[in-house]
Amino acid sequence: MGKLASPIHERRFAALEILAAKYKGNERTVYDFYLKNTHWVNNWDLVDTSAPYSAGQHLLTRQRRVLYRLATSQSLERRIALVSTMPLIRAGQLEDTFAIAKILTSTI
């Protein structure tokens, strides 16, 4: 797990940047690792700089049920769910983004 488990924010940030850079489009291990360690992605900037690349990019051509699970969380995973849809938005796939936004706004 390395630096991602660090109590130091900047180390977690660097670890997430490296993880996102390692994702080249089909690395299930990067995606799985990211989702298993979301408790370390515990600040908005960590989410915003990692979720689209370590999770969202992977979901462009895959099942997106995980985003709905994250959206119903009681943690920053809610933000991960929505920010992960950025690659989907760029690809013109808006349905999941709107559905997740509806979930998030209904729980405010």
PDB file of N, CA and C in Angstrom:
ATOM      1  N   MET A   1       0.831  -1.185   0.000  1.00  0.00           N
ATOM      2  CA  MET A   1       0.000   0.000   0.000  1.00  0.00           C
ATOM      3  C   MET A   1       0.871   1.241   0.000  1.00  0.00           C
ATOM      4  N   GLY A   2       2.037   1.169   0.573  1.00  0.00           N
ATOM      5  CA  GLY A   2       3.020   2.240   0.473  1.00  0.00           C
ATOM      6  C   GLY A   2       2.563   3.567   1.029  1.00  0.00           C
ATOM      7  N   LYS A   3       2.816   4.605   0.280  1.00  0.00           N
ATOM      8  CA  LYS A   3       2.573   5.974   0.731  1.00  0.00           C
ATOM      9  C   LYS A   3       1.100   6.338   0.775  1.00  0.00           C
ATOM     10  N   LEU A   4       0.244   5.579   0.140  1.00  0.00           N
ATOM     11  CA  LEU A   4      -1.176   5.881   0.191  1.00  0.00           C
ATOM     12  C   LEU A   4      -1.715   5.770   1.611  1.00  0.00           C
ATOM     13  N   ALA A   5      -1.132   4.913   2.412  1.00  0.00           N
ATOM     14  CA  ALA A   5      -1.569   4.740   3.799  1.00  0.00           C
ATOM     15  C   ALA A   5      -0.911   5.737   4.747  1.00  0.00           C
ATOM     16  N   SER A   6      -0.223   6.707   4.237  1.00  0.00           N
ATOM     17  CA  SER A   6       0.482   7.682   5.064  1.00  0.00           C
ATOM     18  C   SER A   6      -0.481   8.663   5.727  1.00  0.00           C
ATOM     19  N   PRO A   7      -0.188   9.078   6.948  1.00  0.00           N
ATOM     20  CA  PRO A   7      -0.987  10.137   7.575  1.00  0.00           C
ATOM     21  C   PRO A   7      -0.688  11.514   6.970  1.00  0.00           C
ATOM     22  N   ILE A   8       0.344  11.591   6.144  1.00  0.00           N
ATOM     23  CA  ILE A   8       0.742  12.862   5.545  1.00  0.00           C
ATOM     24  C   ILE A   8       0.021  13.032   4.204  1.00  0.00           C
ATOM     25  N   HIS A   9      -0.769  14.079   4.130  1.00  0.00           N
ATOM     26  CA  HIS A   9      -1.603  14.352   2.966  1.00  0.00           C
ATOM     27  C   HIS A   9      -0.799  14.366   1.663  1.00  0.00           C
ATOM     28  N   GLU A  10       0.307  15.039   1.663  1.00  0.00           N
ATOM     29  CA  GLU A  10       1.102  15.183   0.441  1.00  0.00           C
ATOM     30  C   GLU A  10       1.628  13.848  -0.068  1.00  0.00           C
ATOM     31  N   ARG A  11       1.915  12.930   0.845  1.00  0.00           N
ATOM     32  CA  ARG A  11       2.351  11.590   0.416  1.00  0.00           C
ATOM     33  C   ARG A  11       1.204  10.838  -0.237  1.00  0.00           C
ATOM     34  N   ARG A  12       0.007  10.958   0.344  1.00  0.00           N
ATOM     35  CA  ARG A  12      -1.160  10.314  -0.271  1.00  0.00           C
ATOM     36  C   ARG A  12      -1.427  10.913  -1.641  1.00  0.00           C
ATOM     37  N   PHE A  13      -1.294  12.246  -1.749  1.00  0.00           N
ATOM     38  CA  PHE A  13      -1.497  12.919  -3.022  1.00  0.00           C
ATOM     39  C   PHE A  13      -0.525  12.382  -4.076  1.00  0.00           C
ATOM     40  N   ALA A  14       0.749  12.298  -3.717  1.00  0.00           N
ATOM     41  CA  ALA A  14       1.765  11.800  -4.649  1.00  0.00           C
ATOM     42  C   ALA A  14       1.479  10.348  -5.034  1.00  0.00           C
ATOM     43  N   ALA A  15       1.096   9.526  -4.069  1.00  0.00           N
ATOM     44  CA  ALA A  15       0.795   8.120  -4.353  1.00  0.00           C
ATOM     45  C   ALA A  15      -0.374   8.003  -5.330  1.00  0.00           C
ATOM     46  N   LEU A  16      -1.395   8.830  -5.142  1.00  0.00           N
ATOM     47  CA  LEU A  16      -2.553   8.789  -6.039  1.00  0.00           C
ATOM     48  C   LEU A  16      -2.210   9.299  -7.432  1.00  0.00           C
ATOM     49  N   GLU A  17      -1.341  10.283  -7.520  1.00  0.00           N
ATOM     50  CA  GLU A  17      -0.897  10.772  -8.828  1.00  0.00           C
ATOM     51  C   GLU A  17      -0.142   9.680  -9.579  1.00  0.00           C
ATOM     52  N   ILE A  18       0.699   8.963  -8.872  1.00  0.00           N
ATOM     53  CA  ILE A  18       1.448   7.867  -9.492  1.00  0.00           C
ATOM     54  C   ILE A  18       0.491   6.765  -9.929  1.00  0.00           C
ATOM     55  N   LEU A  19      -0.477   6.444  -9.073  1.00  0.00           N
ATOM     56  CA  LEU A  19      -1.457   5.410  -9.407  1.00  0.00           C
ATOM     57  C   LEU A  19      -2.233   5.799 -10.664  1.00  0.00           C
ATOM     58  N   ALA A  20      -2.692   7.040 -10.729  1.00  0.00           N
ATOM     59  CA  ALA A  20      -3.443   7.502 -11.901  1.00  0.00           C
ATOM     60  C   ALA A  20      -2.574   7.456 -13.154  1.00  0.00           C
ATOM     61  N   ALA A  21      -1.319   7.817 -13.022  1.00  0.00           N
ATOM     62  CA  ALA A  21      -0.406   7.800 -14.171  1.00  0.00           C
ATOM     63  C   ALA A  21      -0.147   6.375 -14.659  1.00  0.00           C
ATOM     64  N   LYS A  22      -0.237   5.400 -13.762  1.00  0.00           N
ATOM     65  CA  LYS A  22      -0.002   3.997 -14.145  1.00  0.00           C
ATOM     66  C   LYS A  22      -1.166   3.422 -14.942  1.00  0.00           C
ATOM     67  N   TYR A  23      -2.343   4.028 -14.789  1.00  0.00           N
ATOM     68  CA  TYR A  23      -3.506   3.483 -15.480  1.00  0.00           C
ATOM     69  C   TYR A  23      -3.432   3.826 -16.960  1.00  0.00           C
ATOM     70  N   LYS A  24      -3.389   2.819 -17.771  1.00  0.00           N
ATOM     71  CA  LYS A  24      -3.249   3.011 -19.222  1.00  0.00           C
ATOM     72  C   LYS A  24      -4.482   2.555 -19.991  1.00  0.00           C
ATOM     73  N   GLY A  25      -5.531   2.184 -19.298  1.00  0.00           N
ATOM     74  CA  GLY A  25      -6.758   1.834 -19.998  1.00  0.00           C
ATOM     75  C   GLY A  25      -7.322   0.464 -19.724  1.00  0.00           C
ATOM     76  N   ASN A  26      -6.526  -0.442 -19.212  1.00  0.00           N
ATOM     77  CA  ASN A  26      -7.058  -1.782 -18.992  1.00  0.00           C
ATOM     78  C   ASN A  26      -6.472  -2.443 -17.749  1.00  0.00           C
ATOM     79  N   GLU A  27      -5.896  -1.667 -16.864  1.00  0.00           N
ATOM     80  CA  GLU A  27      -5.294  -2.247 -15.667  1.00  0.00           C
ATOM     81  C   GLU A  27      -6.320  -2.420 -14.560  1.00  0.00           C
ATOM     82  N   ARG A  28      -6.917  -3.563 -14.527  1.00  0.00           N
ATOM     83  CA  ARG A  28      -7.919  -3.860 -13.497  1.00  0.00           C
ATOM     84  C   ARG A  28      -7.296  -3.749 -12.111  1.00  0.00           C
ATOM     85  N   THR A  29      -6.002  -4.038 -11.986  1.00  0.00           N
ATOM     86  CA  THR A  29      -5.353  -3.980 -10.675  1.00  0.00           C
ATOM     87  C   THR A  29      -5.329  -2.551 -10.122  1.00  0.00           C
ATOM     88  N   VAL A  30      -5.118  -1.554 -10.971  1.00  0.00           N
ATOM     89  CA  VAL A  30      -5.126  -0.156 -10.523  1.00  0.00           C
ATOM     90  C   VAL A  30      -6.522   0.209 -10.041  1.00  0.00           C
ATOM     91  N   TYR A  31      -7.516  -0.111 -10.830  1.00  0.00           N
ATOM     92  CA  TYR A  31      -8.914   0.167 -10.491  1.00  0.00           C
ATOM     93  C   TYR A  31      -9.310  -0.516  -9.178  1.00  0.00           C
ATOM     94  N   ASP A  32      -9.020  -1.801  -9.061  1.00  0.00           N
ATOM     95  CA  ASP A  32      -9.363  -2.543  -7.842  1.00  0.00           C
ATOM     96  C   ASP A  32      -8.643  -1.979  -6.621  1.00  0.00           C
ATOM     97  N   PHE A  33      -7.377  -1.676  -6.765  1.00  0.00           N
ATOM     98  CA  PHE A  33      -6.600  -1.099  -5.663  1.00  0.00           C
ATOM     99  C   PHE A  33      -7.211   0.221  -5.216  1.00  0.00           C
ATOM    100  N   TYR A  34      -7.562   1.059  -6.163  1.00  0.00           N
ATOM    101  CA  TYR A  34      -8.159   2.358  -5.839  1.00  0.00           C
ATOM    102  C   TYR A  34      -9.451   2.169  -5.043  1.00  0.00           C
ATOM    103  N   LEU A  35     -10.326   1.310  -5.523  1.00  0.00           N
ATOM    104  CA  LEU A  35     -11.610   1.122  -4.844  1.00  0.00           C
ATOM    105  C   LEU A  35     -11.459   0.471  -3.473  1.00  0.00           C
ATOM    106  N   LYS A  36     -10.462  -0.357  -3.290  1.00  0.00           N
ATOM    107  CA  LYS A  36     -10.237  -0.984  -1.979  1.00  0.00           C
ATOM    108  C   LYS A  36      -9.629  -0.005  -0.976  1.00  0.00           C
ATOM    109  N   ASN A  37      -9.128   1.104  -1.447  1.00  0.00           N
ATOM    110  CA  ASN A  37      -8.425   2.047  -0.579  1.00  0.00           C
ATOM    111  C   ASN A  37      -9.042   3.446  -0.572  1.00  0.00           C
ATOM    112  N   THR A  38     -10.317   3.540  -0.839  1.00  0.00           N
ATOM    113  CA  THR A  38     -10.955   4.858  -0.883  1.00  0.00           C
ATOM    114  C   THR A  38     -10.934   5.570   0.468  1.00  0.00           C
ATOM    115  N   HIS A  39     -10.782   4.830   1.550  1.00  0.00           N
ATOM    116  CA  HIS A  39     -10.722   5.482   2.865  1.00  0.00           C
ATOM    117  C   HIS A  39      -9.480   6.364   3.004  1.00  0.00           C
ATOM    118  N   TRP A  40      -8.465   6.129   2.178  1.00  0.00           N
ATOM    119  CA  TRP A  40      -7.273   6.989   2.176  1.00  0.00           C
ATOM    120  C   TRP A  40      -7.443   8.186   1.245  1.00  0.00           C
ATOM    121  N   VAL A  41      -8.452   8.143   0.400  1.00  0.00           N
ATOM    122  CA  VAL A  41      -8.758   9.260  -0.496  1.00  0.00           C
ATOM    123  C   VAL A  41      -9.748  10.144   0.265  1.00  0.00           C
ATOM    124  N   ASN A  42      -9.230  10.860   1.236  1.00  0.00           N
ATOM    125  CA  ASN A  42     -10.079  11.482   2.249  1.00  0.00           C
ATOM    126  C   ASN A  42     -10.062  13.008   2.250  1.00  0.00           C
ATOM    127  N   ASN A  43      -9.827  13.586   1.091  1.00  0.00           N
ATOM    128  CA  ASN A  43      -9.898  15.032   0.957  1.00  0.00           C
ATOM    129  C   ASN A  43     -10.346  15.326  -0.469  1.00  0.00           C
ATOM    130  N   TRP A  44     -11.056  16.424  -0.670  1.00  0.00           N
ATOM    131  CA  TRP A  44     -11.621  16.713  -1.989  1.00  0.00           C
ATOM    132  C   TRP A  44     -10.563  16.749  -3.082  1.00  0.00           C
ATOM    133  N   ASP A  45      -9.380  17.295  -2.779  1.00  0.00           N
ATOM    134  CA  ASP A  45      -8.358  17.381  -3.831  1.00  0.00           C
ATOM    135  C   ASP A  45      -7.822  16.006  -4.211  1.00  0.00           C
ATOM    136  N   LEU A  46      -7.784  15.098  -3.255  1.00  0.00           N
ATOM    137  CA  LEU A  46      -7.353  13.735  -3.560  1.00  0.00           C
ATOM    138  C   LEU A  46      -8.365  13.055  -4.481  1.00  0.00           C
ATOM    139  N   VAL A  47      -9.642  13.291  -4.216  1.00  0.00           N
ATOM    140  CA  VAL A  47     -10.691  12.731  -5.070  1.00  0.00           C
ATOM    141  C   VAL A  47     -10.594  13.311  -6.478  1.00  0.00           C
ATOM    142  N   ASP A  48     -10.530  14.624  -6.549  1.00  0.00           N
ATOM    143  CA  ASP A  48     -10.612  15.297  -7.847  1.00  0.00           C
ATOM    144  C   ASP A  48      -9.429  14.993  -8.761  1.00  0.00           C
ATOM    145  N   THR A  49      -8.277  14.714  -8.194  1.00  0.00           N
ATOM    146  CA  THR A  49      -7.107  14.429  -9.024  1.00  0.00           C
ATOM    147  C   THR A  49      -6.899  12.942  -9.283  1.00  0.00           C
ATOM    148  N   SER A  50      -7.710  12.099  -8.663  1.00  0.00           N
ATOM    149  CA  SER A  50      -7.502  10.658  -8.847  1.00  0.00           C
ATOM    150  C   SER A  50      -8.710   9.917  -9.404  1.00  0.00           C
ATOM    151  N   ALA A  51      -9.902  10.245  -8.962  1.00  0.00           N
ATOM    152  CA  ALA A  51     -11.091   9.464  -9.329  1.00  0.00           C
ATOM    153  C   ALA A  51     -11.330   9.348 -10.839  1.00  0.00           C
ATOM    154  N   PRO A  52     -11.202  10.440 -11.605  1.00  0.00           N
ATOM    155  CA  PRO A  52     -11.458  10.288 -13.042  1.00  0.00           C
ATOM    156  C   PRO A  52     -10.482   9.343 -13.730  1.00  0.00           C
ATOM    157  N   TYR A  53      -9.276   9.255 -13.215  1.00  0.00           N
ATOM    158  CA  TYR A  53      -8.215   8.497 -13.884  1.00  0.00           C
ATOM    159  C   TYR A  53      -8.067   7.077 -13.332  1.00  0.00           C
ATOM    160  N   SER A  54      -8.263   6.905 -12.043  1.00  0.00           N
ATOM    161  CA  SER A  54      -8.084   5.583 -11.438  1.00  0.00           C
ATOM    162  C   SER A  54      -9.370   4.775 -11.398  1.00  0.00           C
ATOM    163  N   ALA A  55     -10.507   5.428 -11.507  1.00  0.00           N
ATOM    164  CA  ALA A  55     -11.787   4.714 -11.506  1.00  0.00           C
ATOM    165  C   ALA A  55     -12.601   5.032 -12.753  1.00  0.00           C
ATOM    166  N   GLY A  56     -12.845   6.302 -12.998  1.00  0.00           N
ATOM    167  CA  GLY A  56     -13.718   6.705 -14.100  1.00  0.00           C
ATOM    168  C   GLY A  56     -13.290   6.214 -15.460  1.00  0.00           C
ATOM    169  N   GLN A  57     -12.033   6.325 -15.757  1.00  0.00           N
ATOM    170  CA  GLN A  57     -11.519   5.893 -17.065  1.00  0.00           C
ATOM    171  C   GLN A  57     -11.777   4.404 -17.276  1.00  0.00           C
ATOM    172  N   HIS A  58     -11.640   3.641 -16.213  1.00  0.00           N
ATOM    173  CA  HIS A  58     -11.857   2.192 -16.286  1.00  0.00           C
ATOM    174  C   HIS A  58     -13.317   1.868 -16.616  1.00  0.00           C
ATOM    175  N   LEU A  59     -14.225   2.732 -16.178  1.00  0.00           N
ATOM    176  CA  LEU A  59     -15.648   2.444 -16.326  1.00  0.00           C
ATOM    177  C   LEU A  59     -16.236   2.885 -17.662  1.00  0.00           C
ATOM    178  N   LEU A  60     -15.428   3.475 -18.515  1.00  0.00           N
ATOM    179  CA  LEU A  60     -15.938   3.919 -19.817  1.00  0.00           C
ATOM    180  C   LEU A  60     -16.611   2.805 -20.599  1.00  0.00           C
ATOM    181  N   THR A  61     -16.070   1.623 -20.514  1.00  0.00           N
ATOM    182  CA  THR A  61     -16.607   0.498 -21.294  1.00  0.00           C
ATOM    183  C   THR A  61     -17.029  -0.659 -20.395  1.00  0.00           C
ATOM    184  N   ARG A  62     -17.327  -0.334 -19.144  1.00  0.00           N
ATOM    185  CA  ARG A  62     -17.653  -1.406 -18.190  1.00  0.00           C
ATOM    186  C   ARG A  62     -18.911  -1.080 -17.392  1.00  0.00           C
ATOM    187  N   GLN A  63     -19.374  -2.051 -16.655  1.00  0.00           N
ATOM    188  CA  GLN A  63     -20.510  -1.927 -15.755  1.00  0.00           C
ATOM    189  C   GLN A  63     -20.207  -0.844 -14.708  1.00  0.00           C
ATOM    190  N   ARG A  64     -21.169   0.007 -14.402  1.00  0.00           N
ATOM    191  CA  ARG A  64     -20.949   1.162 -13.510  1.00  0.00           C
ATOM    192  C   ARG A  64     -21.702   1.075 -12.191  1.00  0.00           C
ATOM    193  N   ARG A  65     -22.140  -0.092 -11.831  1.00  0.00           N
ATOM    194  CA  ARG A  65     -22.893  -0.294 -10.593  1.00  0.00           C
ATOM    195  C   ARG A  65     -22.140   0.232  -9.369  1.00  0.00           C
ATOM    196  N   VAL A  66     -20.820   0.120  -9.382  1.00  0.00           N
ATOM    197  CA  VAL A  66     -20.011   0.564  -8.254  1.00  0.00           C
ATOM    198  C   VAL A  66     -20.216   2.050  -7.966  1.00  0.00           C
ATOM    199  N   LEU A  67     -20.446   2.848  -8.992  1.00  0.00           N
ATOM    200  CA  LEU A  67     -20.660   4.281  -8.778  1.00  0.00           C
ATOM    201  C   LEU A  67     -21.913   4.532  -7.945  1.00  0.00           C
ATOM    202  N   TYR A  68     -22.924   3.738  -8.142  1.00  0.00           N
ATOM    203  CA  TYR A  68     -24.178   3.893  -7.398  1.00  0.00           C
ATOM    204  C   TYR A  68     -23.999   3.470  -5.934  1.00  0.00           C
ATOM    205  N   ARG A  69     -23.175   2.449  -5.733  1.00  0.00           N
ATOM    206  CA  ARG A  69     -22.865   2.045  -4.356  1.00  0.00           C
ATOM    207  C   ARG A  69     -22.095   3.157  -3.652  1.00  0.00           C
ATOM    208  N   LEU A  70     -21.103   3.718  -4.317  1.00  0.00           N
ATOM    209  CA  LEU A  70     -20.327   4.801  -3.728  1.00  0.00           C
ATOM    210  C   LEU A  70     -21.209   6.019  -3.454  1.00  0.00           C
ATOM    211  N   ALA A  71     -22.162   6.280  -4.316  1.00  0.00           N
ATOM    212  CA  ALA A  71     -23.040   7.445  -4.166  1.00  0.00           C
ATOM    213  C   ALA A  71     -23.923   7.358  -2.933  1.00  0.00           C
ATOM    214  N   THR A  72     -24.157   6.155  -2.450  1.00  0.00           N
ATOM    215  CA  THR A  72     -25.009   6.001  -1.259  1.00  0.00           C
ATOM    216  C   THR A  72     -24.189   5.875   0.023  1.00  0.00           C
ATOM    217  N   SER A  73     -22.908   6.043  -0.094  1.00  0.00           N
ATOM    218  CA  SER A  73     -22.016   5.982   1.062  1.00  0.00           C
ATOM    219  C   SER A  73     -22.268   7.179   1.989  1.00  0.00           C
ATOM    220  N   GLN A  74     -21.719   7.103   3.164  1.00  0.00           N
ATOM    221  CA  GLN A  74     -21.789   8.222   4.105  1.00  0.00           C
ATOM    222  C   GLN A  74     -20.445   8.923   4.222  1.00  0.00           C
ATOM    223  N   SER A  75     -19.613   8.774   3.206  1.00  0.00           N
ATOM    224  CA  SER A  75     -18.263   9.331   3.260  1.00  0.00           C
ATOM    225  C   SER A  75     -17.954  10.083   1.966  1.00  0.00           C
ATOM    226  N   LEU A  76     -16.705  10.428   1.804  1.00  0.00           N
ATOM    227  CA  LEU A  76     -16.252  11.128   0.604  1.00  0.00           C
ATOM    228  C   LEU A  76     -16.367  10.242  -0.643  1.00  0.00           C
ATOM    229  N   GLU A  77     -16.722   8.990  -0.458  1.00  0.00           N
ATOM    230  CA  GLU A  77     -16.972   8.115  -1.604  1.00  0.00           C
ATOM    231  C   GLU A  77     -18.090   8.680  -2.477  1.00  0.00           C
ATOM    232  N   ARG A  78     -18.971   9.462  -1.890  1.00  0.00           N
ATOM    233  CA  ARG A  78     -20.034  10.110  -2.662  1.00  0.00           C
ATOM    234  C   ARG A  78     -19.419  11.014  -3.733  1.00  0.00           C
ATOM    235  N   ARG A  79     -18.396  11.768  -3.344  1.00  0.00           N
ATOM    236  CA  ARG A  79     -17.714  12.643  -4.307  1.00  0.00           C
ATOM    237  C   ARG A  79     -16.970  11.804  -5.342  1.00  0.00           C
ATOM    238  N   ILE A  80     -16.360  10.708  -4.897  1.00  0.00           N
ATOM    239  CA  ILE A  80     -15.674   9.811  -5.830  1.00  0.00           C
ATOM    240  C   ILE A  80     -16.649   9.339  -6.907  1.00  0.00           C
ATOM    241  N   ALA A  81     -17.871   8.993  -6.502  1.00  0.00           N
ATOM    242  CA  ALA A  81     -18.871   8.518  -7.462  1.00  0.00           C
ATOM    243  C   ALA A  81     -19.125   9.545  -8.550  1.00  0.00           C
ATOM    244  N   LEU A  82     -19.342  10.790  -8.172  1.00  0.00           N
ATOM    245  CA  LEU A  82     -19.665  11.802  -9.165  1.00  0.00           C
ATOM    246  C   LEU A  82     -18.450  12.223  -9.986  1.00  0.00           C
ATOM    247  N   VAL A  83     -17.329  12.456  -9.341  1.00  0.00           N
ATOM    248  CA  VAL A  83     -16.131  12.898 -10.055  1.00  0.00           C
ATOM    249  C   VAL A  83     -15.628  11.806 -11.002  1.00  0.00           C
ATOM    250  N   SER A  84     -15.874  10.566 -10.668  1.00  0.00           N
ATOM    251  CA  SER A  84     -15.470   9.457 -11.547  1.00  0.00           C
ATOM    252  C   SER A  84     -16.210   9.475 -12.871  1.00  0.00           C
ATOM    253  N   THR A  85     -17.306  10.204 -12.951  1.00  0.00           N
ATOM    254  CA  THR A  85     -18.050  10.245 -14.208  1.00  0.00           C
ATOM    255  C   THR A  85     -17.475  11.251 -15.210  1.00  0.00           C
ATOM    256  N   MET A  86     -16.432  11.964 -14.852  1.00  0.00           N
ATOM    257  CA  MET A  86     -15.864  12.951 -15.784  1.00  0.00           C
ATOM    258  C   MET A  86     -15.475  12.348 -17.139  1.00  0.00           C
ATOM    259  N   PRO A  87     -14.802  11.189 -17.179  1.00  0.00           N
ATOM    260  CA  PRO A  87     -14.501  10.600 -18.493  1.00  0.00           C
ATOM    261  C   PRO A  87     -15.771  10.214 -19.265  1.00  0.00           C
ATOM    262  N   LEU A  88     -16.812   9.837 -18.540  1.00  0.00           N
ATOM    263  CA  LEU A  88     -18.080   9.495 -19.184  1.00  0.00           C
ATOM    264  C   LEU A  88     -18.686  10.742 -19.826  1.00  0.00           C
ATOM    265  N   ILE A  89     -18.627  11.860 -19.111  1.00  0.00           N
ATOM    266  CA  ILE A  89     -19.147  13.119 -19.640  1.00  0.00           C
ATOM    267  C   ILE A  89     -18.403  13.490 -20.914  1.00  0.00           C
ATOM    268  N   ARG A  90     -17.071  13.395 -20.864  1.00  0.00           N
ATOM    269  CA  ARG A  90     -16.262  13.724 -22.055  1.00  0.00           C
ATOM    270  C   ARG A  90     -16.614  12.843 -23.253  1.00  0.00           C
ATOM    271  N   ALA A  91     -17.052  11.622 -22.963  1.00  0.00           N
ATOM    272  CA  ALA A  91     -17.419  10.686 -24.026  1.00  0.00           C
ATOM    273  C   ALA A  91     -18.887  10.837 -24.438  1.00  0.00           C
ATOM    274  N   GLY A  92     -19.591  11.791 -23.838  1.00  0.00           N
ATOM    275  CA  GLY A  92     -20.990  12.019 -24.180  1.00  0.00           C
ATOM    276  C   GLY A  92     -21.951  11.052 -23.533  1.00  0.00           C
ATOM    277  N   GLN A  93     -21.493  10.322 -22.528  1.00  0.00           N
ATOM    278  CA  GLN A  93     -22.316   9.350 -21.812  1.00  0.00           C
ATOM    279  C   GLN A  93     -22.790   9.999 -20.504  1.00  0.00           C
ATOM    280  N   LEU A  94     -23.921  10.662 -20.535  1.00  0.00           N
ATOM    281  CA  LEU A  94     -24.362  11.500 -19.417  1.00  0.00           C
ATOM    282  C   LEU A  94     -25.337  10.837 -18.453  1.00  0.00           C
ATOM    283  N   GLU A  95     -25.914   9.722 -18.826  1.00  0.00           N
ATOM    284  CA  GLU A  95     -26.986   9.120 -18.025  1.00  0.00           C
ATOM    285  C   GLU A  95     -26.563   8.827 -16.588  1.00  0.00           C
ATOM    286  N   ASP A  96     -25.405   8.214 -16.409  1.00  0.00           N
ATOM    287  CA  ASP A  96     -24.953   7.867 -15.059  1.00  0.00           C
ATOM    288  C   ASP A  96     -24.658   9.109 -14.226  1.00  0.00           C
ATOM    289  N   THR A  97     -24.105  10.136 -14.852  1.00  0.00           N
ATOM    290  CA  THR A  97     -23.812  11.372 -14.131  1.00  0.00           C
ATOM    291  C   THR A  97     -25.093  11.972 -13.580  1.00  0.00           C
ATOM    292  N   PHE A  98     -26.116  12.073 -14.399  1.00  0.00           N
ATOM    293  CA  PHE A  98     -27.384  12.641 -13.953  1.00  0.00           C
ATOM    294  C   PHE A  98     -28.046  11.768 -12.888  1.00  0.00           C
ATOM    295  N   ALA A  99     -27.982  10.471 -13.050  1.00  0.00           N
ATOM    296  CA  ALA A  99     -28.578   9.553 -12.072  1.00  0.00           C
ATOM    297  C   ALA A  99     -27.868   9.665 -10.714  1.00  0.00           C
ATOM    298  N   ILE A 100     -26.558   9.746 -10.749  1.00  0.00           N
ATOM    299  CA  ILE A 100     -25.792   9.869  -9.501  1.00  0.00           C
ATOM    300  C   ILE A 100     -26.046  11.232  -8.859  1.00  0.00           C
ATOM    301  N   ALA A 101     -26.105  12.277  -9.663  1.00  0.00           N
ATOM    302  CA  ALA A 101     -26.409  13.610  -9.126  1.00  0.00           C
ATOM    303  C   ALA A 101     -27.772  13.616  -8.448  1.00  0.00           C
ATOM    304  N   LYS A 102     -28.720  12.913  -9.023  1.00  0.00           N
ATOM    305  CA  LYS A 102     -30.060  12.819  -8.421  1.00  0.00           C
ATOM    306  C   LYS A 102     -29.997  12.117  -7.072  1.00  0.00           C
ATOM    307  N   ILE A 103     -29.228  11.042  -6.981  1.00  0.00           N
ATOM    308  CA  ILE A 103     -29.059  10.336  -5.708  1.00  0.00           C
ATOM    309  C   ILE A 103     -28.442  11.277  -4.677  1.00  0.00           C
ATOM    310  N   LEU A 104     -27.402  11.987  -5.079  1.00  0.00           N
ATOM    311  CA  LEU A 104     -26.694  12.855  -4.148  1.00  0.00           C
ATOM    312  C   LEU A 104     -27.546  14.026  -3.693  1.00  0.00           C
ATOM    313  N   THR A 105     -28.327  14.591  -4.566  1.00  0.00           N
ATOM    314  CA  THR A 105     -29.164  15.724  -4.173  1.00  0.00           C
ATOM    315  C   THR A 105     -30.385  15.299  -3.377  1.00  0.00           C
ATOM    316  N   SER A 106     -30.797  14.059  -3.511  1.00  0.00           N
ATOM    317  CA  SER A 106     -31.952  13.593  -2.744  1.00  0.00           C
ATOM    318  C   SER A 106     -31.571  13.235  -1.304  1.00  0.00           C
ATOM    319  N   THR A 107     -30.288  13.146  -1.025  1.00  0.00           N
ATOM    320  CA  THR A 107     -29.859  12.787   0.339  1.00  0.00           C
ATOM    321  C   THR A 107     -29.311  13.984   1.110  1.00  0.00           C
ATOM    322  N   ILE A 108     -29.493  15.174   0.567  1.00  0.00           N
ATOM    323  CA  ILE A 108     -29.004  16.387   1.265  1.00  0.00           C
ATOM    324  C   ILE A 108     -29.956  16.744   2.379  1.00  0.00           C
TER     325      ILE A 108
END
